[in-house]
Amino acid sequence: MENKTNKRGFGSDNNAGIHPEILKEIISSNSGHVMGYGSDGYTEQAINIFKEHLGSSSETYFVFTGTAANVLGLSGIMKSWNSVITASTAHLEGDECGAPEKFIGCKVLVVETADGKINPELIEKHMHGFDFEHHSQPKVISITQSTEMGTVYTVAEIAKIADYAHDRGMLLHMDGARIANAAVSLNLPFKAFTTDAGVDVLSFGGTKNGMMSGESICFLKPGLSADFKYIRKQGMQLASKMRFISAQYIAYFHNDLWKSCATNSNSMARLLAERLKQIPQVKITQEVQSNGVFVIMPAAVAEKMRKHYFFYPWDEKRSEYRLMASWDTQEKDIEDFIKLLLKELKK
């Protein structure tokens, strides 16, 4: 169904290319020999940058993929008899192909939520069986920021979940695949809604916001990462030429490149939503707080549109689709999309 051209579309922020400044930094780091497996100056610099943004006690480990960041990050704080509680829409539940169950051996418990956000009231149904050997032991609550529905947790909402978890001897994990979009939406530094809000482990993404590859696992509290270097190695995520992941983060944070990329994708999503709201046959189903727009449109029209601008169905039963803006989305992309949509709706 996807069109075969390189035309910018709305299928996913993963589909966008690499920001030129990040490519430039990769090329710059591709000079001479440096120590492998992270014992290089680029990795040291990148780790120190993360400390500046997340706190001096944070410990950061680079991996190849977002799935690895989530699953290995949880591996560091869970046992096979533990359970992790998350939203039914979370990647841990729906998009990791059972990786938490396979590699950790843990149980994933979900709660239904209309907007992708969970809260203590929703989580409460899983708060039982503590110290009962026949029952998996709840250990971690995992939230996604921004969520798979494009919504964003406030600092107060995160802190409330963190307090709830900590009061019960549990930990809070954040899947931050689109954390930059959340930071721009909240107009806050990363530390304000992660470390300072009580998050214990953070998967910090960059691939969806202009990077080529590579994600980060950030342990935000002392003592959580003591054995993690072994877990990363056994998990096949210790990069020999780690400088090429690390260098990307150096460029990513330089002059707040991350912010300009996420600002564009967020603003383009808002513009797309504003244009779609003017079309009676289209209904926006979620508040547009980051770079995702969820819409209901006639299925036959959507299928025709997807031949020109690929995007994913979200809930086929009610003809709901997800449209994603990216760091390189332009106003013309939106105008052309809306023009074609209006044309198809008139047929």
Protein backbone atom coordinates (compact mmCIF):
# COMPACT_ATOMS: atom_id res chain seq x y z
CA MET A 1 0.00 0.00 0.00
CA GLU A 2 2.88 2.39 0.71
CA ASN A 3 3.86 4.64 -2.15
CA LYS A 4 7.32 3.90 -3.53
CA THR A 5 8.54 7.48 -3.86
CA ASN A 6 10.54 9.38 -1.27
CA LYS A 7 7.75 11.91 -0.85
CA ARG A 8 7.28 13.04 2.73
CA GLY A 9 4.18 11.47 4.23
CA PHE A 10 2.44 10.99 7.56
CA GLY A 11 3.03 7.29 8.19
CA SER A 12 5.59 7.61 10.98
CA ASP A 13 8.34 9.86 12.29
CA ASN A 14 10.51 6.76 11.83
CA ASN A 15 10.10 7.21 8.09
CA ALA A 16 11.87 10.58 8.06
CA GLY A 17 15.54 10.88 7.19
CA ILE A 18 18.47 11.93 9.35
CA HIS A 19 18.99 15.57 10.26
CA PRO A 20 22.02 16.95 8.33
CA GLU A 21 23.70 18.15 11.54
CA ILE A 22 23.59 14.64 12.94
CA LEU A 23 24.98 13.19 9.73
CA LYS A 24 27.74 15.80 9.89
CA GLU A 25 28.64 14.75 13.43
CA ILE A 26 28.77 11.08 12.44
CA ILE A 27 31.15 11.94 9.61
CA SER A 28 33.23 14.10 11.93
CA SER A 29 33.59 11.21 14.39
CA ASN A 30 34.64 8.88 11.56
CA SER A 31 38.30 9.83 11.79
CA GLY A 32 41.16 7.70 13.02
CA HIS A 33 40.97 4.97 15.63
CA VAL A 34 39.31 5.14 19.03
CA MET A 35 38.70 2.51 21.69
CA GLY A 36 35.69 0.30 21.08
CA TYR A 37 32.69 -0.68 23.21
CA GLY A 38 32.17 2.79 24.64
CA SER A 39 35.68 3.48 25.93
CA ASP A 40 36.00 6.53 23.70
CA GLY A 41 35.80 10.27 24.10
CA TYR A 42 32.58 10.65 22.15
CA THR A 43 30.72 8.29 24.46
CA GLU A 44 32.18 9.96 27.54
CA GLN A 45 31.06 13.35 26.24
CA ALA A 46 27.57 12.10 25.42
CA ILE A 47 27.15 10.52 28.86
CA ASN A 48 28.19 13.79 30.50
CA ILE A 49 25.63 15.65 28.39
CA PHE A 50 22.94 13.32 29.69
CA LYS A 51 24.08 14.06 33.23
CA GLU A 52 23.61 17.76 32.52
CA HIS A 53 20.06 17.14 31.33
CA LEU A 54 18.96 14.42 33.75
CA GLY A 55 21.07 14.95 36.85
CA SER A 56 24.59 14.11 37.99
CA SER A 57 23.48 10.81 39.53
CA SER A 58 22.05 9.49 36.28
CA GLU A 59 23.76 6.61 34.47
CA THR A 60 23.26 6.27 30.71
CA TYR A 61 23.81 3.27 28.45
CA PHE A 62 23.47 3.37 24.67
CA VAL A 63 21.71 0.62 22.70
CA PHE A 64 20.59 0.16 19.11
CA THR A 65 16.78 0.18 19.30
CA GLY A 66 13.81 1.42 21.27
CA THR A 67 12.68 -2.13 21.98
CA ALA A 68 16.08 -2.84 23.51
CA ALA A 69 15.91 0.35 25.56
CA ASN A 70 12.55 -0.63 27.03
CA VAL A 71 13.15 -4.32 27.56
CA LEU A 72 16.76 -4.19 28.76
CA GLY A 73 16.01 -1.20 30.95
CA LEU A 74 13.30 -3.21 32.65
CA SER A 75 15.62 -6.23 32.81
CA GLY A 76 17.85 -4.21 35.09
CA ILE A 77 15.14 -3.68 37.70
CA MET A 78 12.88 -6.75 37.40
CA LYS A 79 12.96 -10.48 38.04
CA SER A 80 11.06 -13.11 36.09
CA TRP A 81 8.44 -13.38 38.84
CA ASN A 82 7.67 -9.65 38.65
CA SER A 83 5.01 -7.89 36.60
CA VAL A 84 5.03 -4.52 34.86
CA ILE A 85 1.82 -2.51 34.61
CA THR A 86 1.22 -0.32 31.58
CA ALA A 87 -1.43 1.01 29.21
CA SER A 88 -2.99 -1.35 26.70
CA THR A 89 -1.72 0.96 23.95
CA ALA A 90 1.89 0.92 25.19
CA HIS A 91 4.68 -0.49 23.04
CA LEU A 92 5.53 -2.87 25.87
CA GLU A 93 2.18 -4.54 25.32
CA GLY A 94 1.47 -4.17 21.63
CA ASP A 95 4.67 -3.47 19.72
CA GLU A 96 7.56 -5.37 21.30
CA CYS A 97 6.51 -8.79 19.93
CA GLY A 98 6.44 -10.31 23.42
CA ALA A 99 10.05 -9.28 24.11
CA PRO A 100 9.45 -8.46 27.81
CA GLU A 101 7.96 -11.91 28.39
CA LYS A 102 10.74 -13.65 26.43
CA PHE A 103 13.81 -11.82 27.70
CA ILE A 104 12.72 -10.93 31.23
CA GLY A 105 10.23 -13.73 31.77
CA CYS A 106 7.97 -11.21 33.48
CA LYS A 107 4.24 -10.66 33.18
CA VAL A 108 2.84 -7.57 31.45
CA LEU A 109 -0.40 -6.33 33.02
CA VAL A 110 -2.43 -3.73 31.14
CA VAL A 111 -5.11 -1.19 31.87
CA GLU A 112 -7.51 0.21 29.30
CA THR A 113 -7.29 3.93 28.70
CA ALA A 114 -9.01 6.15 26.15
CA ASP A 115 -6.13 8.60 25.72
CA GLY A 116 -3.06 6.44 26.32
CA LYS A 117 -2.49 7.81 29.83
CA ILE A 118 -2.77 5.76 33.00
CA ASN A 119 -3.24 6.85 36.60
CA PRO A 120 -3.33 5.27 40.09
CA GLU A 121 -7.08 4.73 39.92
CA LEU A 122 -6.69 2.60 36.79
CA ILE A 123 -3.65 0.79 38.16
CA GLU A 124 -5.31 -0.13 41.44
CA LYS A 125 -6.99 -3.25 40.05
CA HIS A 126 -3.56 -4.90 39.75
CA MET A 127 -2.46 -4.04 43.29
CA HIS A 128 -2.92 -7.41 44.94
CA GLY A 129 -1.00 -10.60 45.59
CA PHE A 130 2.00 -8.96 47.24
CA ASP A 131 4.22 -11.51 49.02
CA PHE A 132 1.92 -14.30 47.80
CA GLU A 133 4.12 -16.83 46.07
CA HIS A 134 1.39 -17.98 43.67
CA HIS A 135 1.01 -14.51 42.20
CA SER A 136 3.38 -12.49 40.00
CA GLN A 137 4.72 -9.60 42.03
CA PRO A 138 3.95 -6.08 40.73
CA LYS A 139 7.29 -4.30 40.50
CA VAL A 140 7.19 -1.60 37.81
CA ILE A 141 4.69 0.87 36.41
CA SER A 142 5.57 1.95 32.86
CA ILE A 143 4.25 5.10 31.19
CA THR A 144 4.94 6.46 27.70
CA GLN A 145 5.82 10.14 27.23
CA SER A 146 4.45 11.32 24.88
CA THR A 147 1.94 8.48 24.65
CA GLU A 148 1.15 6.34 21.65
CA MET A 149 -2.03 8.43 21.33
CA GLY A 150 -0.07 11.66 21.05
CA THR A 151 -1.08 12.86 24.50
CA VAL A 152 1.33 14.19 27.13
CA TYR A 153 1.54 13.60 30.89
CA THR A 154 1.88 16.69 33.06
CA VAL A 155 4.55 16.84 35.77
CA ALA A 156 1.85 16.49 38.43
CA GLU A 157 0.43 13.37 36.75
CA ILE A 158 3.86 11.75 36.58
CA ALA A 159 4.72 12.65 40.17
CA LYS A 160 1.42 11.19 41.36
CA ILE A 161 2.15 7.86 39.64
CA ALA A 162 5.73 7.89 40.95
CA ASP A 163 4.57 8.46 44.54
CA TYR A 164 1.97 5.73 44.13
CA ALA A 165 4.64 3.30 42.91
CA HIS A 166 7.25 4.19 45.52
CA ASP A 167 4.75 3.95 48.40
CA ARG A 168 4.26 0.30 47.36
CA GLY A 169 7.93 -0.52 46.91
CA MET A 170 7.63 -0.32 43.13
CA LEU A 171 9.51 1.62 40.46
CA LEU A 172 8.44 3.92 37.63
CA HIS A 173 9.71 3.42 34.07
CA MET A 174 9.17 5.92 31.27
CA ASP A 175 9.21 4.98 27.60
CA GLY A 176 10.54 8.21 26.12
CA ALA A 177 10.64 7.27 22.46
CA ARG A 178 9.12 10.70 21.75
CA ILE A 179 10.33 12.45 24.87
CA ALA A 180 11.52 15.50 22.91
CA ASN A 181 7.99 16.11 21.64
CA ALA A 182 6.73 15.95 25.22
CA ALA A 183 9.41 18.39 26.42
CA VAL A 184 8.41 20.90 23.74
CA SER A 185 4.72 20.41 24.50
CA LEU A 186 5.29 21.01 28.22
CA ASN A 187 7.90 23.73 27.59
CA LEU A 188 10.06 22.12 30.27
CA PRO A 189 13.59 20.70 30.52
CA PHE A 190 13.82 16.91 30.51
CA LYS A 191 14.82 16.71 34.16
CA ALA A 192 11.66 18.47 35.32
CA PHE A 193 9.33 15.68 34.23
CA THR A 194 11.69 12.72 34.66
CA THR A 195 14.23 12.77 37.50
CA ASP A 196 12.54 15.53 39.49
CA ALA A 197 9.10 13.97 39.02
CA GLY A 198 10.21 10.61 40.42
CA VAL A 199 10.94 8.53 37.32
CA ASP A 200 13.43 5.75 38.09
CA VAL A 201 14.35 4.40 34.65
CA LEU A 202 14.00 6.22 31.36
CA SER A 203 14.19 4.99 27.77
CA PHE A 204 15.38 8.13 25.98
CA GLY A 205 14.69 8.09 22.24
CA GLY A 206 16.13 10.10 19.38
CA THR A 207 15.47 8.02 16.27
CA LYS A 208 11.95 9.43 15.87
CA ASN A 209 13.30 12.98 16.08
CA GLY A 210 16.10 13.22 13.53
CA MET A 211 18.67 10.67 14.63
CA MET A 212 19.80 7.74 12.48
CA SER A 213 19.77 4.99 15.10
CA GLY A 214 20.56 4.38 18.71
CA GLU A 215 18.58 4.90 21.90
CA SER A 216 19.53 5.38 25.53
CA ILE A 217 18.70 3.67 28.80
CA CYS A 218 18.97 6.14 31.66
CA PHE A 219 18.94 4.99 35.29
CA LEU A 220 17.99 8.08 37.25
CA LYS A 221 18.51 6.84 40.81
CA PRO A 222 21.81 5.62 42.33
CA GLY A 223 22.18 1.87 42.69
CA LEU A 224 19.77 0.80 39.96
CA SER A 225 22.40 0.14 37.28
CA ALA A 226 25.02 -1.81 39.25
CA ASP A 227 24.98 -4.89 37.02
CA PHE A 228 23.53 -3.41 33.87
CA LYS A 229 26.70 -3.59 31.78
CA TYR A 230 26.37 -7.38 31.87
CA ILE A 231 22.68 -7.27 30.96
CA ARG A 232 23.43 -5.03 27.96
CA LYS A 233 26.14 -7.39 26.73
CA GLN A 234 23.99 -10.51 27.16
CA GLY A 235 21.18 -8.64 25.43
CA MET A 236 23.42 -8.20 22.35
CA GLN A 237 23.21 -4.41 22.55
CA LEU A 238 26.83 -3.48 23.35
CA ALA A 239 27.97 -1.64 20.23
CA SER A 240 31.60 -2.20 19.30
CA LYS A 241 31.75 1.10 17.39
CA MET A 242 29.70 2.96 19.96
CA ARG A 243 31.12 6.33 18.98
CA PHE A 244 28.67 6.45 16.05
CA ILE A 245 25.70 6.27 18.42
CA SER A 246 27.28 8.66 20.92
CA ALA A 247 28.24 11.22 18.28
CA GLN A 248 24.61 11.51 17.24
CA TYR A 249 23.61 12.57 20.75
CA ILE A 250 26.39 15.17 20.82
CA ALA A 251 24.86 16.79 17.74
CA TYR A 252 21.33 16.17 19.02
CA PHE A 253 21.87 18.26 22.14
CA HIS A 254 24.14 20.89 20.56
CA ASN A 255 22.32 24.21 20.28
CA ASP A 256 19.11 22.37 21.26
CA LEU A 257 18.80 20.65 17.90
CA TRP A 258 16.41 18.19 19.55
CA LYS A 259 14.11 21.09 20.44
CA SER A 260 14.00 22.60 16.97
CA CYS A 261 13.22 19.19 15.45
CA ALA A 262 10.44 18.43 17.92
CA THR A 263 9.07 21.95 17.73
CA ASN A 264 8.62 21.56 14.00
CA SER A 265 6.92 18.16 14.22
CA ASN A 266 4.60 19.35 17.00
CA SER A 267 3.66 22.55 15.18
CA MET A 268 3.08 20.70 11.91
CA ALA A 269 0.76 18.27 13.70
CA ARG A 270 -1.22 21.18 15.12
CA LEU A 271 -1.44 22.76 11.67
CA LEU A 272 -2.61 19.48 10.18
CA ALA A 273 -5.23 19.15 12.90
CA GLU A 274 -6.47 22.69 12.33
CA ARG A 275 -6.94 22.01 8.64
CA LEU A 276 -8.66 18.69 9.26
CA LYS A 277 -11.08 20.28 11.73
CA GLN A 278 -12.46 22.35 8.88
CA ILE A 279 -13.59 19.21 7.02
CA PRO A 280 -17.01 17.94 8.20
CA GLN A 281 -16.40 14.33 7.09
CA VAL A 282 -13.31 14.05 9.31
CA LYS A 283 -13.28 13.81 13.11
CA ILE A 284 -10.20 14.23 15.31
CA THR A 285 -10.38 11.74 18.17
CA GLN A 286 -7.50 12.77 20.46
CA GLU A 287 -6.20 16.06 21.79
CA VAL A 288 -3.19 17.00 19.66
CA GLN A 289 -0.43 17.60 22.22
CA SER A 290 2.64 16.32 20.38
CA ASN A 291 3.25 15.18 16.80
CA GLY A 292 0.41 12.69 16.30
CA VAL A 293 -3.06 13.32 14.89
CA PHE A 294 -5.74 10.64 15.20
CA VAL A 295 -8.70 10.97 12.86
CA ILE A 296 -11.80 9.16 11.74
CA MET A 297 -12.44 9.42 8.01
CA PRO A 298 -14.39 7.36 5.47
CA ALA A 299 -12.54 4.07 4.99
CA ALA A 300 -12.82 4.11 1.19
CA VAL A 301 -11.33 7.60 1.07
CA ALA A 302 -8.57 6.65 3.47
CA GLU A 303 -7.55 3.73 1.29
CA LYS A 304 -7.29 6.01 -1.73
CA MET A 305 -5.27 8.53 0.25
CA ARG A 306 -2.89 5.84 1.49
CA LYS A 307 -1.83 5.15 -2.08
CA HIS A 308 -0.37 8.65 -2.21
CA TYR A 309 0.41 9.39 1.46
CA PHE A 310 0.96 6.26 3.46
CA PHE A 311 -0.37 6.26 7.02
CA TYR A 312 -1.45 3.56 9.42
CA PRO A 313 -4.95 2.49 10.41
CA TRP A 314 -5.36 2.67 14.19
CA ASP A 315 -8.84 1.27 14.83
CA GLU A 316 -10.20 -0.22 11.63
CA LYS A 317 -13.57 -0.99 13.22
CA ARG A 318 -14.36 2.69 13.45
CA SER A 319 -12.17 3.82 10.54
CA GLU A 320 -9.67 5.64 12.75
CA TYR A 321 -6.21 6.46 11.38
CA ARG A 322 -2.96 7.86 12.75
CA LEU A 323 -1.17 10.72 11.01
CA MET A 324 2.35 11.56 12.22
CA ALA A 325 4.30 14.75 11.59
CA SER A 326 8.11 14.62 11.56
CA TRP A 327 11.07 16.89 12.12
CA ASP A 328 11.20 17.59 8.37
CA THR A 329 7.46 17.96 7.67
CA GLN A 330 6.68 21.17 5.77
CA GLU A 331 3.53 23.24 5.42
CA LYS A 332 3.35 22.34 1.74
CA ASP A 333 3.12 18.65 2.66
CA ILE A 334 0.02 19.43 4.70
CA GLU A 335 -1.54 21.67 2.07
CA ASP A 336 -1.04 19.03 -0.62
CA PHE A 337 -2.48 16.34 1.65
CA ILE A 338 -5.56 18.41 2.47
CA LYS A 339 -6.08 19.32 -1.18
CA LEU A 340 -6.04 15.66 -2.20
CA LEU A 341 -8.29 14.69 0.72
CA LEU A 342 -10.90 17.28 -0.26
CA LYS A 343 -10.75 16.05 -3.85
CA GLU A 344 -11.31 12.43 -2.81
CA LEU A 345 -14.16 13.35 -0.49
CA LYS A 346 -16.01 15.02 -3.34
CA LYS A 347 -15.91 11.95 -5.58
